[in-house]
């Protein structure tokens, strides 16, 4: 009877985590402000994108005739339908990926997202983190407030994507 090897923990990414030691973590206020800025931008862009088909159907005669025979319902109720939910995940995921850890809100607040495993965030990390916002929002947003109880100030979406949010502000030299 062959003997099986026991399963052993392999700290593959311990070196990366050691590289991050001592980085200043972003404050809750900066993170919340960045999220609010990004939500406002996402909402404004969503509304602008959804206005295009509405304006086309309203002002293009050929589309008016086509629309008269069909019932078209475009709902501008953000996050209450599949296309706005997919848009939100793509907006946050892609903006984080293309910004290399900085969305517009994070850039304005001088913070950035860093992977605990890799030197650069992959597209999957960014999409996974964007999907994790839903998990953080569950139970009245308790996942966001786990920032205050986690030793590295990680929220639920940070832990899902294995990321931390750090301050990009230059550290002040210690007065000696």
C-alpha atoms as a PDB file:
ATOM      1  CA  UNK A   1       0.000   0.000   0.000  1.00  0.00           C
ATOM      2  CA  UNK A   2       1.614   3.308  -1.068  1.00  0.00           C
ATOM      3  CA  UNK A   3       2.134   5.925   1.564  1.00  0.00           C
ATOM      4  CA  UNK A   4       0.788   9.371   0.805  1.00  0.00           C
ATOM      5  CA  UNK A   5       2.699  12.511   1.578  1.00  0.00           C
ATOM      6  CA  UNK A   6       1.140  14.747   4.198  1.00  0.00           C
ATOM      7  CA  UNK A   7      -0.152  18.104   3.011  1.00  0.00           C
ATOM      8  CA  UNK A   8       2.228  20.818   4.131  1.00  0.00           C
ATOM      9  CA  UNK A   9       1.863  24.583   4.203  1.00  0.00           C
ATOM     10  CA  UNK A  10       4.081  26.291   1.633  1.00  0.00           C
ATOM     11  CA  UNK A  11       4.726  30.018   2.304  1.00  0.00           C
ATOM     12  CA  UNK A  12       5.334  30.664  -1.400  1.00  0.00           C
ATOM     13  CA  UNK A  13       4.617  34.365  -1.184  1.00  0.00           C
ATOM     14  CA  UNK A  14       6.324  35.088   2.129  1.00  0.00           C
ATOM     15  CA  UNK A  15       9.114  37.015   0.369  1.00  0.00           C
ATOM     16  CA  UNK A  16       6.579  39.362  -1.267  1.00  0.00           C
ATOM     17  CA  UNK A  17       4.874  39.977   2.063  1.00  0.00           C
ATOM     18  CA  UNK A  18       8.232  40.775   3.657  1.00  0.00           C
ATOM     19  CA  UNK A  19       8.893  43.322   0.872  1.00  0.00           C
ATOM     20  CA  UNK A  20       5.718  45.155   1.883  1.00  0.00           C
ATOM     21  CA  UNK A  21       6.674  45.341   5.559  1.00  0.00           C
ATOM     22  CA  UNK A  22       6.665  48.909   6.819  1.00  0.00           C
ATOM     23  CA  UNK A  23       4.561  50.434   4.031  1.00  0.00           C
ATOM     24  CA  UNK A  24       2.144  53.027   5.454  1.00  0.00           C
ATOM     25  CA  UNK A  25      -1.428  51.775   5.213  1.00  0.00           C
ATOM     26  CA  UNK A  26      -4.144  54.058   3.870  1.00  0.00           C
ATOM     27  CA  UNK A  27      -6.563  55.599   6.341  1.00  0.00           C
ATOM     28  CA  UNK A  28     -10.231  54.637   6.404  1.00  0.00           C
ATOM     29  CA  UNK A  29     -11.152  58.228   5.557  1.00  0.00           C
ATOM     30  CA  UNK A  30      -8.939  58.244   2.435  1.00  0.00           C
ATOM     31  CA  UNK A  31     -10.287  54.864   1.334  1.00  0.00           C
ATOM     32  CA  UNK A  32     -13.921  55.913   1.865  1.00  0.00           C
ATOM     33  CA  UNK A  33     -13.393  59.205   0.018  1.00  0.00           C
ATOM     34  CA  UNK A  34     -11.719  57.392  -2.909  1.00  0.00           C
ATOM     35  CA  UNK A  35     -14.601  54.913  -3.113  1.00  0.00           C
ATOM     36  CA  UNK A  36     -17.147  57.738  -3.057  1.00  0.00           C
ATOM     37  CA  UNK A  37     -15.293  59.621  -5.829  1.00  0.00           C
ATOM     38  CA  UNK A  38     -15.109  56.450  -7.923  1.00  0.00           C
ATOM     39  CA  UNK A  39     -18.808  55.690  -7.343  1.00  0.00           C
ATOM     40  CA  UNK A  40     -19.758  59.201  -8.457  1.00  0.00           C
ATOM     41  CA  UNK A  41     -17.591  58.867 -11.582  1.00  0.00           C
ATOM     42  CA  UNK A  42     -19.000  55.408 -12.328  1.00  0.00           C
ATOM     43  CA  UNK A  43     -22.558  56.688 -11.948  1.00  0.00           C
ATOM     44  CA  UNK A  44     -21.956  59.743 -14.141  1.00  0.00           C
ATOM     45  CA  UNK A  45     -20.329  57.651 -16.872  1.00  0.00           C
ATOM     46  CA  UNK A  46     -23.103  55.034 -16.667  1.00  0.00           C
ATOM     47  CA  UNK A  47     -25.762  57.700 -17.049  1.00  0.00           C
ATOM     48  CA  UNK A  48     -23.915  59.236 -20.004  1.00  0.00           C
ATOM     49  CA  UNK A  49     -23.577  55.827 -21.682  1.00  0.00           C
ATOM     50  CA  UNK A  50     -27.250  55.011 -21.118  1.00  0.00           C
ATOM     51  CA  UNK A  51     -28.314  58.428 -22.422  1.00  0.00           C
ATOM     52  CA  UNK A  52     -26.872  57.680 -25.872  1.00  0.00           C
ATOM     53  CA  UNK A  53     -29.433  54.994 -26.875  1.00  0.00           C
ATOM     54  CA  UNK A  54     -32.255  57.020 -25.339  1.00  0.00           C
ATOM     55  CA  UNK A  55     -31.268  60.104 -27.350  1.00  0.00           C
ATOM     56  CA  UNK A  56     -30.847  58.057 -30.522  1.00  0.00           C
ATOM     57  CA  UNK A  57     -34.328  56.532 -30.197  1.00  0.00           C
ATOM     58  CA  UNK A  58     -35.775  59.946 -29.398  1.00  0.00           C
ATOM     59  CA  UNK A  59     -34.221  61.953 -32.242  1.00  0.00           C
ATOM     60  CA  UNK A  60     -33.430  59.540 -35.110  1.00  0.00           C
ATOM     61  CA  UNK A  61     -36.601  59.044 -37.193  1.00  0.00           C
ATOM     62  CA  UNK A  62     -35.697  55.533 -38.373  1.00  0.00           C
ATOM     63  CA  UNK A  63     -35.176  54.416 -34.781  1.00  0.00           C
ATOM     64  CA  UNK A  64     -38.417  56.092 -33.680  1.00  0.00           C
ATOM     65  CA  UNK A  65     -40.376  53.947 -36.133  1.00  0.00           C
ATOM     66  CA  UNK A  66     -38.492  50.826 -35.042  1.00  0.00           C
ATOM     67  CA  UNK A  67     -39.036  51.590 -31.341  1.00  0.00           C
ATOM     68  CA  UNK A  68     -42.757  52.291 -31.826  1.00  0.00           C
ATOM     69  CA  UNK A  69     -43.338  48.605 -32.572  1.00  0.00           C
ATOM     70  CA  UNK A  70     -41.345  47.372 -29.567  1.00  0.00           C
ATOM     71  CA  UNK A  71     -41.465  47.946 -25.885  1.00  0.00           C
ATOM     72  CA  UNK A  72     -37.973  49.054 -24.863  1.00  0.00           C
ATOM     73  CA  UNK A  73     -37.301  49.545 -21.188  1.00  0.00           C
ATOM     74  CA  UNK A  74     -33.932  50.941 -20.155  1.00  0.00           C
ATOM     75  CA  UNK A  75     -33.765  51.365 -16.430  1.00  0.00           C
ATOM     76  CA  UNK A  76     -31.509  54.064 -14.986  1.00  0.00           C
ATOM     77  CA  UNK A  77     -31.732  52.525 -11.519  1.00  0.00           C
ATOM     78  CA  UNK A  78     -28.039  52.030 -10.758  1.00  0.00           C
ATOM     79  CA  UNK A  79     -27.134  48.566  -9.370  1.00  0.00           C
ATOM     80  CA  UNK A  80     -30.685  47.177  -9.663  1.00  0.00           C
ATOM     81  CA  UNK A  81     -30.269  45.340 -12.945  1.00  0.00           C
ATOM     82  CA  UNK A  82     -27.745  42.975 -14.486  1.00  0.00           C
ATOM     83  CA  UNK A  83     -26.168  45.445 -16.922  1.00  0.00           C
ATOM     84  CA  UNK A  84     -25.474  48.111 -14.307  1.00  0.00           C
ATOM     85  CA  UNK A  85     -24.008  45.484 -11.981  1.00  0.00           C
ATOM     86  CA  UNK A  86     -21.772  44.129 -14.770  1.00  0.00           C
ATOM     87  CA  UNK A  87     -20.814  47.697 -15.676  1.00  0.00           C
ATOM     88  CA  UNK A  88     -19.856  48.471 -12.063  1.00  0.00           C
ATOM     89  CA  UNK A  89     -17.629  45.403 -11.744  1.00  0.00           C
ATOM     90  CA  UNK A  90     -15.982  46.212 -15.084  1.00  0.00           C
ATOM     91  CA  UNK A  91     -15.594  49.906 -14.210  1.00  0.00           C
ATOM     92  CA  UNK A  92     -13.891  49.231 -10.881  1.00  0.00           C
ATOM     93  CA  UNK A  93     -11.907  46.227 -12.114  1.00  0.00           C
ATOM     94  CA  UNK A  94     -10.625  47.820 -15.294  1.00  0.00           C
ATOM     95  CA  UNK A  95      -9.927  51.233 -13.771  1.00  0.00           C
ATOM     96  CA  UNK A  96      -7.886  49.576 -11.012  1.00  0.00           C
ATOM     97  CA  UNK A  97      -6.034  47.415 -13.552  1.00  0.00           C
ATOM     98  CA  UNK A  98      -5.352  50.199 -16.064  1.00  0.00           C
ATOM     99  CA  UNK A  99      -4.403  52.565 -13.236  1.00  0.00           C
ATOM    100  CA  UNK A 100      -1.942  49.991 -11.846  1.00  0.00           C
ATOM    101  CA  UNK A 101      -3.590  49.929  -8.446  1.00  0.00           C
ATOM    102  CA  UNK A 102      -4.935  53.468  -8.569  1.00  0.00           C
ATOM    103  CA  UNK A 103      -8.437  54.392  -9.664  1.00  0.00           C
ATOM    104  CA  UNK A 104      -9.114  58.090 -10.187  1.00  0.00           C
ATOM    105  CA  UNK A 105     -10.447  58.362  -6.638  1.00  0.00           C
ATOM    106  CA  UNK A 106      -7.439  56.549  -5.185  1.00  0.00           C
ATOM    107  CA  UNK A 107      -5.084  58.736  -7.217  1.00  0.00           C
ATOM    108  CA  UNK A 108      -6.775  61.877  -5.877  1.00  0.00           C
ATOM    109  CA  UNK A 109      -6.552  60.546  -2.313  1.00  0.00           C
ATOM    110  CA  UNK A 110      -2.917  59.474  -2.847  1.00  0.00           C
ATOM    111  CA  UNK A 111      -3.489  55.805  -2.066  1.00  0.00           C
ATOM    112  CA  UNK A 112      -3.035  52.625  -4.089  1.00  0.00           C
ATOM    113  CA  UNK A 113      -3.895  48.939  -4.008  1.00  0.00           C
ATOM    114  CA  UNK A 114      -0.992  46.497  -3.733  1.00  0.00           C
ATOM    115  CA  UNK A 115      -1.055  42.725  -4.182  1.00  0.00           C
ATOM    116  CA  UNK A 116       0.213  40.594  -1.317  1.00  0.00           C
ATOM    117  CA  UNK A 117       1.325  37.947  -3.827  1.00  0.00           C
ATOM    118  CA  UNK A 118       2.583  39.696  -6.955  1.00  0.00           C
ATOM    119  CA  UNK A 119       4.503  42.836  -7.878  1.00  0.00           C
ATOM    120  CA  UNK A 120       1.743  43.936 -10.244  1.00  0.00           C
ATOM    121  CA  UNK A 121      -2.008  43.487  -9.957  1.00  0.00           C
ATOM    122  CA  UNK A 122      -3.374  41.109 -12.562  1.00  0.00           C
ATOM    123  CA  UNK A 123      -6.644  41.757 -14.338  1.00  0.00           C
ATOM    124  CA  UNK A 124      -8.179  38.874 -12.388  1.00  0.00           C
ATOM    125  CA  UNK A 125      -7.057  40.406  -9.054  1.00  0.00           C
ATOM    126  CA  UNK A 126      -8.758  43.653 -10.019  1.00  0.00           C
ATOM    127  CA  UNK A 127     -12.010  42.009 -11.150  1.00  0.00           C
ATOM    128  CA  UNK A 128     -11.975  39.791  -8.058  1.00  0.00           C
ATOM    129  CA  UNK A 129     -11.526  42.857  -5.836  1.00  0.00           C
ATOM    130  CA  UNK A 130     -14.366  44.645  -7.642  1.00  0.00           C
ATOM    131  CA  UNK A 131     -16.628  41.633  -7.115  1.00  0.00           C
ATOM    132  CA  UNK A 132     -15.536  41.649  -3.467  1.00  0.00           C
ATOM    133  CA  UNK A 133     -17.137  45.065  -2.985  1.00  0.00           C
ATOM    134  CA  UNK A 134     -20.457  43.210  -3.017  1.00  0.00           C
ATOM    135  CA  UNK A 135     -19.257  40.950  -0.204  1.00  0.00           C
ATOM    136  CA  UNK A 136     -18.069  43.987   1.767  1.00  0.00           C
ATOM    137  CA  UNK A 137     -21.450  45.658   1.316  1.00  0.00           C
ATOM    138  CA  UNK A 138     -23.354  42.664   2.715  1.00  0.00           C
ATOM    139  CA  UNK A 139     -24.739  42.852   6.232  1.00  0.00           C
ATOM    140  CA  UNK A 140     -25.104  46.633   6.212  1.00  0.00           C
ATOM    141  CA  UNK A 141     -21.551  47.244   5.021  1.00  0.00           C
ATOM    142  CA  UNK A 142     -19.852  45.363   7.839  1.00  0.00           C
ATOM    143  CA  UNK A 143     -17.181  44.139   5.405  1.00  0.00           C
ATOM    144  CA  UNK A 144     -15.966  47.724   4.958  1.00  0.00           C
ATOM    145  CA  UNK A 145     -15.815  48.287   8.714  1.00  0.00           C
ATOM    146  CA  UNK A 146     -13.628  45.224   9.206  1.00  0.00           C
ATOM    147  CA  UNK A 147     -10.901  47.736   8.395  1.00  0.00           C
ATOM    148  CA  UNK A 148     -10.988  48.632  12.096  1.00  0.00           C
ATOM    149  CA  UNK A 149     -10.622  45.078  13.438  1.00  0.00           C
ATOM    150  CA  UNK A 150      -8.153  43.509  11.008  1.00  0.00           C
ATOM    151  CA  UNK A 151      -4.460  43.890  11.993  1.00  0.00           C
ATOM    152  CA  UNK A 152      -3.481  45.110   8.502  1.00  0.00           C
ATOM    153  CA  UNK A 153      -6.681  47.127   8.047  1.00  0.00           C
ATOM    154  CA  UNK A 154      -7.955  44.821   5.320  1.00  0.00           C
ATOM    155  CA  UNK A 155     -11.613  44.829   4.402  1.00  0.00           C
ATOM    156  CA  UNK A 156     -13.440  41.796   3.053  1.00  0.00           C
ATOM    157  CA  UNK A 157     -12.716  42.703  -0.583  1.00  0.00           C
ATOM    158  CA  UNK A 158      -9.018  43.159   0.284  1.00  0.00           C
ATOM    159  CA  UNK A 159      -8.837  39.686   1.779  1.00  0.00           C
ATOM    160  CA  UNK A 160     -10.747  38.131  -1.132  1.00  0.00           C
ATOM    161  CA  UNK A 161      -8.264  39.578  -3.650  1.00  0.00           C
ATOM    162  CA  UNK A 162      -5.242  39.306  -1.306  1.00  0.00           C
ATOM    163  CA  UNK A 163      -4.481  43.023  -1.429  1.00  0.00           C
ATOM    164  CA  UNK A 164      -3.747  45.904   0.913  1.00  0.00           C
ATOM    165  CA  UNK A 165      -4.258  49.626   0.372  1.00  0.00           C
ATOM    166  CA  UNK A 166      -1.236  51.769   1.074  1.00  0.00           C
ATOM    167  CA  UNK A 167      -0.573  55.477   1.228  1.00  0.00           C
ATOM    168  CA  UNK A 168       1.390  56.966  -1.646  1.00  0.00           C
ATOM    169  CA  UNK A 169       2.273  60.050   0.370  1.00  0.00           C
ATOM    170  CA  UNK A 170       5.973  60.345   1.079  1.00  0.00           C
ATOM    171  CA  UNK A 171       6.757  59.308   4.618  1.00  0.00           C
ATOM    172  CA  UNK A 172       7.811  62.110   6.923  1.00  0.00           C
ATOM    173  CA  UNK A 173      11.336  61.810   8.205  1.00  0.00           C
ATOM    174  CA  UNK A 174      11.598  61.146  11.921  1.00  0.00           C
ATOM    175  CA  UNK A 175      12.707  64.271  13.778  1.00  0.00           C
ATOM    176  CA  UNK A 176      15.998  63.217  15.274  1.00  0.00           C
END
